[in-house]
C-alpha cells in the first residue's frame, strides 16, 4: 500500500479483460462528456470515446467488489450503497483527459461518487503515452499492465496523459453513497 490514499489491487485475469473488452466493443460508442449530468463537451479538456455497459454486467460487478474491498482495506470507510455502470474508454492517438476529480460536491445531488475503480484493459506494449497519473501533494503514476485494477477516492485529482501511439482501453466505474458530510 502506498502512502497516498490509493490502493493498488493487483491483476484481474487477462482472459477476463479480453472477454469483457469483446463484449464492450459491441456497445455503440459515444463522445465522452463531463459533468454530473454528462452535459459538457470540451475536446480540449477531454477527447475520448466511451461505451457504457449494463449496470449488472459481470465485469462491472467484479470491479465493484474490488472497490468495496479497497474501501475496507484502506480504512476509507466511505458509506457506499450503489455503483455506476462501467465506462469502457478508448484513447486513440492524441486522446487524453486533463486533471480532474470524479465527484461533484457542489452539485446538490443526493449522492456523491466516493471510490473510483480503474482496470487497464489493453497491454501497454500496444500504446504509448496514456499514463494514469494521480496527484495529492505530488504526482504518482501507478504501474499499469493489462488487468491491473487500481481504486482511489473519487475526490483525488487525476489525469490521463495524451496517447502518442496505438490505442489505450480502460474500464472505469464509481462507487457512490450518501453525500459527504
C-alpha atoms as a PDB file:
ATOM      1  CA  UNK A   1       0.000   0.000   0.000  1.00  0.00           C
ATOM      2  CA  UNK A   2       1.242   3.472  -0.867  1.00  0.00           C
ATOM      3  CA  UNK A   3       1.389   6.489   1.424  1.00  0.00           C
ATOM      4  CA  UNK A   4      -1.002   8.183  -0.978  1.00  0.00           C
ATOM      5  CA  UNK A   5      -4.719   7.409  -0.490  1.00  0.00           C
ATOM      6  CA  UNK A   6      -4.821   4.895  -3.338  1.00  0.00           C
ATOM      7  CA  UNK A   7      -4.751   1.157  -3.311  1.00  0.00           C
ATOM      8  CA  UNK A   8      -3.124  -0.960  -5.970  1.00  0.00           C
ATOM      9  CA  UNK A   9      -5.247  -4.080  -6.241  1.00  0.00           C
ATOM     10  CA  UNK A  10      -3.202  -6.360  -8.425  1.00  0.00           C
ATOM     11  CA  UNK A  11      -4.311  -8.200 -11.518  1.00  0.00           C
ATOM     12  CA  UNK A  12      -7.590  -9.371 -12.988  1.00  0.00           C
ATOM     13  CA  UNK A  13      -7.016 -12.355 -15.299  1.00  0.00           C
ATOM     14  CA  UNK A  14      -6.106 -11.189 -18.804  1.00  0.00           C
ATOM     15  CA  UNK A  15      -8.707 -13.629 -20.183  1.00  0.00           C
ATOM     16  CA  UNK A  16     -11.414 -11.736 -18.250  1.00  0.00           C
ATOM     17  CA  UNK A  17     -10.194  -8.434 -19.725  1.00  0.00           C
ATOM     18  CA  UNK A  18     -10.272  -9.872 -23.246  1.00  0.00           C
ATOM     19  CA  UNK A  19     -13.766 -11.341 -22.797  1.00  0.00           C
ATOM     20  CA  UNK A  20     -15.153  -8.119 -21.287  1.00  0.00           C
ATOM     21  CA  UNK A  21     -13.459  -5.962 -23.966  1.00  0.00           C
ATOM     22  CA  UNK A  22     -15.046  -8.038 -26.740  1.00  0.00           C
ATOM     23  CA  UNK A  23     -18.462  -7.556 -25.107  1.00  0.00           C
ATOM     24  CA  UNK A  24     -17.938  -3.817 -24.527  1.00  0.00           C
ATOM     25  CA  UNK A  25     -16.899  -3.257 -28.155  1.00  0.00           C
ATOM     26  CA  UNK A  26     -20.402  -4.415 -29.209  1.00  0.00           C
ATOM     27  CA  UNK A  27     -21.908  -1.389 -27.417  1.00  0.00           C
ATOM     28  CA  UNK A  28     -22.340   1.714 -29.614  1.00  0.00           C
ATOM     29  CA  UNK A  29     -19.635   4.320 -28.846  1.00  0.00           C
ATOM     30  CA  UNK A  30     -20.345   7.835 -27.601  1.00  0.00           C
ATOM     31  CA  UNK A  31     -18.321  11.009 -27.464  1.00  0.00           C
ATOM     32  CA  UNK A  32     -17.114  11.398 -23.865  1.00  0.00           C
ATOM     33  CA  UNK A  33     -18.756  14.200 -21.944  1.00  0.00           C
ATOM     34  CA  UNK A  34     -18.121  15.648 -18.496  1.00  0.00           C
ATOM     35  CA  UNK A  35     -20.071  16.910 -15.511  1.00  0.00           C
ATOM     36  CA  UNK A  36     -22.563  15.353 -13.146  1.00  0.00           C
ATOM     37  CA  UNK A  37     -25.223  15.195 -15.845  1.00  0.00           C
ATOM     38  CA  UNK A  38     -22.787  14.453 -18.675  1.00  0.00           C
ATOM     39  CA  UNK A  39     -23.882  17.609 -20.444  1.00  0.00           C
ATOM     40  CA  UNK A  40     -20.483  19.213 -21.063  1.00  0.00           C
ATOM     41  CA  UNK A  41     -18.295  18.576 -24.110  1.00  0.00           C
ATOM     42  CA  UNK A  42     -14.845  20.152 -24.277  1.00  0.00           C
ATOM     43  CA  UNK A  43     -12.425  18.318 -26.557  1.00  0.00           C
ATOM     44  CA  UNK A  44      -9.533  20.499 -25.412  1.00  0.00           C
ATOM     45  CA  UNK A  45     -10.031  19.049 -21.922  1.00  0.00           C
ATOM     46  CA  UNK A  46     -11.271  15.511 -22.663  1.00  0.00           C
ATOM     47  CA  UNK A  47     -11.399  13.811 -26.045  1.00  0.00           C
ATOM     48  CA  UNK A  48     -12.164  10.137 -25.663  1.00  0.00           C
ATOM     49  CA  UNK A  49     -14.725   7.649 -26.896  1.00  0.00           C
ATOM     50  CA  UNK A  50     -16.755   5.744 -24.294  1.00  0.00           C
ATOM     51  CA  UNK A  51     -19.198   2.866 -24.109  1.00  0.00           C
ATOM     52  CA  UNK A  52     -21.428   2.154 -21.105  1.00  0.00           C
ATOM     53  CA  UNK A  53     -22.230  -1.417 -20.098  1.00  0.00           C
ATOM     54  CA  UNK A  54     -25.345  -2.501 -18.287  1.00  0.00           C
ATOM     55  CA  UNK A  55     -25.138  -1.863 -14.524  1.00  0.00           C
ATOM     56  CA  UNK A  56     -25.266  -5.610 -13.838  1.00  0.00           C
ATOM     57  CA  UNK A  57     -22.526  -6.626 -16.312  1.00  0.00           C
ATOM     58  CA  UNK A  58     -20.371  -9.382 -14.786  1.00  0.00           C
ATOM     59  CA  UNK A  59     -17.095  -7.465 -15.184  1.00  0.00           C
ATOM     60  CA  UNK A  60     -18.575  -4.372 -13.530  1.00  0.00           C
ATOM     61  CA  UNK A  61     -19.701  -6.483 -10.585  1.00  0.00           C
ATOM     62  CA  UNK A  62     -16.133  -7.788 -10.283  1.00  0.00           C
ATOM     63  CA  UNK A  63     -14.816  -4.215 -10.322  1.00  0.00           C
ATOM     64  CA  UNK A  64     -17.408  -3.229  -7.704  1.00  0.00           C
ATOM     65  CA  UNK A  65     -16.153  -5.982  -5.420  1.00  0.00           C
ATOM     66  CA  UNK A  66     -12.562  -4.742  -5.752  1.00  0.00           C
ATOM     67  CA  UNK A  67     -13.698  -1.197  -4.967  1.00  0.00           C
ATOM     68  CA  UNK A  68     -15.585  -2.348  -1.869  1.00  0.00           C
ATOM     69  CA  UNK A  69     -12.525  -4.295  -0.728  1.00  0.00           C
ATOM     70  CA  UNK A  70     -10.335  -1.204  -1.226  1.00  0.00           C
ATOM     71  CA  UNK A  71     -12.800   0.893   0.798  1.00  0.00           C
ATOM     72  CA  UNK A  72     -12.467  -1.569   3.671  1.00  0.00           C
ATOM     73  CA  UNK A  73      -8.756  -2.410   3.455  1.00  0.00           C
ATOM     74  CA  UNK A  74      -7.630   1.215   3.115  1.00  0.00           C
ATOM     75  CA  UNK A  75      -9.839   2.247   6.043  1.00  0.00           C
ATOM     76  CA  UNK A  76     -11.609   4.886   3.976  1.00  0.00           C
ATOM     77  CA  UNK A  77     -14.884   3.508   5.360  1.00  0.00           C
ATOM     78  CA  UNK A  78     -16.996   5.549   2.956  1.00  0.00           C
ATOM     79  CA  UNK A  79     -20.756   4.988   3.168  1.00  0.00           C
ATOM     80  CA  UNK A  80     -21.389   3.255  -0.180  1.00  0.00           C
ATOM     81  CA  UNK A  81     -24.760   1.947  -1.334  1.00  0.00           C
ATOM     82  CA  UNK A  82     -24.566   1.847  -5.133  1.00  0.00           C
ATOM     83  CA  UNK A  83     -22.290   1.528  -8.151  1.00  0.00           C
ATOM     84  CA  UNK A  84     -22.474   3.029 -11.604  1.00  0.00           C
ATOM     85  CA  UNK A  85     -22.223   1.272 -14.941  1.00  0.00           C
ATOM     86  CA  UNK A  86     -18.774   0.531 -16.320  1.00  0.00           C
ATOM     87  CA  UNK A  87     -17.432   3.177 -18.669  1.00  0.00           C
ATOM     88  CA  UNK A  88     -15.250   1.483 -21.274  1.00  0.00           C
ATOM     89  CA  UNK A  89     -12.964   4.215 -22.632  1.00  0.00           C
ATOM     90  CA  UNK A  90     -10.953   4.249 -25.832  1.00  0.00           C
ATOM     91  CA  UNK A  91      -7.998   6.624 -26.123  1.00  0.00           C
ATOM     92  CA  UNK A  92      -6.502   6.830 -29.637  1.00  0.00           C
ATOM     93  CA  UNK A  93      -3.567   8.984 -30.715  1.00  0.00           C
ATOM     94  CA  UNK A  94      -3.812  12.469 -29.202  1.00  0.00           C
ATOM     95  CA  UNK A  95      -6.642  11.455 -26.876  1.00  0.00           C
ATOM     96  CA  UNK A  96      -6.420  12.491 -23.207  1.00  0.00           C
ATOM     97  CA  UNK A  97      -8.306  13.599 -20.110  1.00  0.00           C
ATOM     98  CA  UNK A  98      -6.766  16.547 -18.262  1.00  0.00           C
ATOM     99  CA  UNK A  99      -6.559  16.871 -14.450  1.00  0.00           C
ATOM    100  CA  UNK A 100      -9.987  16.353 -12.868  1.00  0.00           C
ATOM    101  CA  UNK A 101     -11.858  14.737  -9.997  1.00  0.00           C
ATOM    102  CA  UNK A 102     -14.745  12.276 -10.351  1.00  0.00           C
ATOM    103  CA  UNK A 103     -17.106  13.643  -7.736  1.00  0.00           C
ATOM    104  CA  UNK A 104     -19.258  16.758  -7.844  1.00  0.00           C
ATOM    105  CA  UNK A 105     -19.515  18.031  -4.236  1.00  0.00           C
ATOM    106  CA  UNK A 106     -21.292  21.295  -5.098  1.00  0.00           C
ATOM    107  CA  UNK A 107     -23.900  19.739  -7.398  1.00  0.00           C
ATOM    108  CA  UNK A 108     -26.605  19.283  -4.776  1.00  0.00           C
ATOM    109  CA  UNK A 109     -27.114  15.675  -5.893  1.00  0.00           C
ATOM    110  CA  UNK A 110     -28.343  13.244  -3.223  1.00  0.00           C
ATOM    111  CA  UNK A 111     -25.258  11.029  -3.659  1.00  0.00           C
ATOM    112  CA  UNK A 112     -21.534  11.528  -4.187  1.00  0.00           C
ATOM    113  CA  UNK A 113     -19.060   9.378  -6.044  1.00  0.00           C
ATOM    114  CA  UNK A 114     -16.689   8.074  -3.404  1.00  0.00           C
ATOM    115  CA  UNK A 115     -14.411   5.431  -4.931  1.00  0.00           C
ATOM    116  CA  UNK A 116     -13.081   5.329  -8.494  1.00  0.00           C
ATOM    117  CA  UNK A 117     -12.065   1.895  -9.791  1.00  0.00           C
ATOM    118  CA  UNK A 118      -9.987   1.660 -12.984  1.00  0.00           C
ATOM    119  CA  UNK A 119      -8.910  -1.507 -14.822  1.00  0.00           C
ATOM    120  CA  UNK A 120      -6.342  -1.396 -17.629  1.00  0.00           C
ATOM    121  CA  UNK A 121      -7.898  -3.394 -20.475  1.00  0.00           C
ATOM    122  CA  UNK A 122      -5.096  -3.157 -23.039  1.00  0.00           C
ATOM    123  CA  UNK A 123      -1.480  -4.194 -22.981  1.00  0.00           C
ATOM    124  CA  UNK A 124       0.919  -1.244 -22.594  1.00  0.00           C
ATOM    125  CA  UNK A 125       3.023  -2.591 -25.483  1.00  0.00           C
ATOM    126  CA  UNK A 126       0.050  -1.717 -27.725  1.00  0.00           C
ATOM    127  CA  UNK A 127       0.204   2.033 -26.980  1.00  0.00           C
ATOM    128  CA  UNK A 128       2.499   4.818 -25.794  1.00  0.00           C
ATOM    129  CA  UNK A 129       1.592   7.714 -23.531  1.00  0.00           C
ATOM    130  CA  UNK A 130      -1.828   7.443 -21.925  1.00  0.00           C
ATOM    131  CA  UNK A 131      -0.460   7.254 -18.375  1.00  0.00           C
ATOM    132  CA  UNK A 132      -2.894   7.447 -15.477  1.00  0.00           C
ATOM    133  CA  UNK A 133      -1.457   9.999 -13.062  1.00  0.00           C
ATOM    134  CA  UNK A 134      -2.783  10.810  -9.600  1.00  0.00           C
ATOM    135  CA  UNK A 135      -1.960  13.944  -7.637  1.00  0.00           C
ATOM    136  CA  UNK A 136      -2.067  14.772  -3.961  1.00  0.00           C
ATOM    137  CA  UNK A 137       0.871  16.951  -2.923  1.00  0.00           C
ATOM    138  CA  UNK A 138       2.901  15.138  -5.565  1.00  0.00           C
ATOM    139  CA  UNK A 139       2.210  13.261  -8.796  1.00  0.00           C
ATOM    140  CA  UNK A 140       2.105   9.476  -8.767  1.00  0.00           C
ATOM    141  CA  UNK A 141       1.993   7.245 -11.848  1.00  0.00           C
ATOM    142  CA  UNK A 142       0.960   3.728 -10.843  1.00  0.00           C
ATOM    143  CA  UNK A 143       2.397   0.831 -12.848  1.00  0.00           C
ATOM    144  CA  UNK A 144      -0.453  -0.332 -15.080  1.00  0.00           C
ATOM    145  CA  UNK A 145      -0.361  -3.530 -17.113  1.00  0.00           C
ATOM    146  CA  UNK A 146      -3.263  -5.345 -18.743  1.00  0.00           C
ATOM    147  CA  UNK A 147      -5.601  -6.449 -15.955  1.00  0.00           C
ATOM    148  CA  UNK A 148      -4.259  -4.028 -13.319  1.00  0.00           C
ATOM    149  CA  UNK A 149      -7.012  -2.631 -11.124  1.00  0.00           C
ATOM    150  CA  UNK A 150      -6.490   0.461  -9.013  1.00  0.00           C
ATOM    151  CA  UNK A 151      -9.027   2.073  -6.697  1.00  0.00           C
ATOM    152  CA  UNK A 152      -8.777   5.534  -5.152  1.00  0.00           C
ATOM    153  CA  UNK A 153     -11.044   8.137  -3.541  1.00  0.00           C
ATOM    154  CA  UNK A 154     -13.011   9.909  -6.265  1.00  0.00           C
ATOM    155  CA  UNK A 155     -12.024  13.323  -4.903  1.00  0.00           C
ATOM    156  CA  UNK A 156      -8.360  12.613  -5.711  1.00  0.00           C
ATOM    157  CA  UNK A 157      -7.185  14.646  -8.689  1.00  0.00           C
ATOM    158  CA  UNK A 158      -6.056  12.533 -11.677  1.00  0.00           C
ATOM    159  CA  UNK A 159      -5.498  12.640 -15.426  1.00  0.00           C
ATOM    160  CA  UNK A 160      -4.740  10.507 -18.466  1.00  0.00           C
ATOM    161  CA  UNK A 161      -1.832  11.898 -20.476  1.00  0.00           C
ATOM    162  CA  UNK A 162      -2.135  12.072 -24.285  1.00  0.00           C
ATOM    163  CA  UNK A 163      -1.700   8.811 -26.170  1.00  0.00           C
ATOM    164  CA  UNK A 164       1.143   9.156 -28.688  1.00  0.00           C
ATOM    165  CA  UNK A 165       0.957   5.738 -30.376  1.00  0.00           C
ATOM    166  CA  UNK A 166      -1.651   2.973 -30.614  1.00  0.00           C
ATOM    167  CA  UNK A 167      -4.892   2.744 -28.635  1.00  0.00           C
ATOM    168  CA  UNK A 168      -5.417   2.534 -24.844  1.00  0.00           C
ATOM    169  CA  UNK A 169      -8.541   0.891 -23.357  1.00  0.00           C
ATOM    170  CA  UNK A 170      -9.717   1.080 -19.746  1.00  0.00           C
ATOM    171  CA  UNK A 171     -12.797   0.143 -17.775  1.00  0.00           C
ATOM    172  CA  UNK A 172     -13.808   2.603 -15.051  1.00  0.00           C
ATOM    173  CA  UNK A 173     -16.625   2.532 -12.544  1.00  0.00           C
ATOM    174  CA  UNK A 174     -17.623   4.507  -9.489  1.00  0.00           C
ATOM    175  CA  UNK A 175     -18.976   3.536  -6.098  1.00  0.00           C
ATOM    176  CA  UNK A 176     -21.351   6.102  -4.640  1.00  0.00           C
ATOM    177  CA  UNK A 177     -23.275   6.794  -1.493  1.00  0.00           C
ATOM    178  CA  UNK A 178     -24.954   9.498   0.582  1.00  0.00           C
ATOM    179  CA  UNK A 179     -23.392  12.947   0.282  1.00  0.00           C
ATOM    180  CA  UNK A 180     -20.166  13.646   2.123  1.00  0.00           C
ATOM    181  CA  UNK A 181     -20.817  15.473   5.417  1.00  0.00           C
END
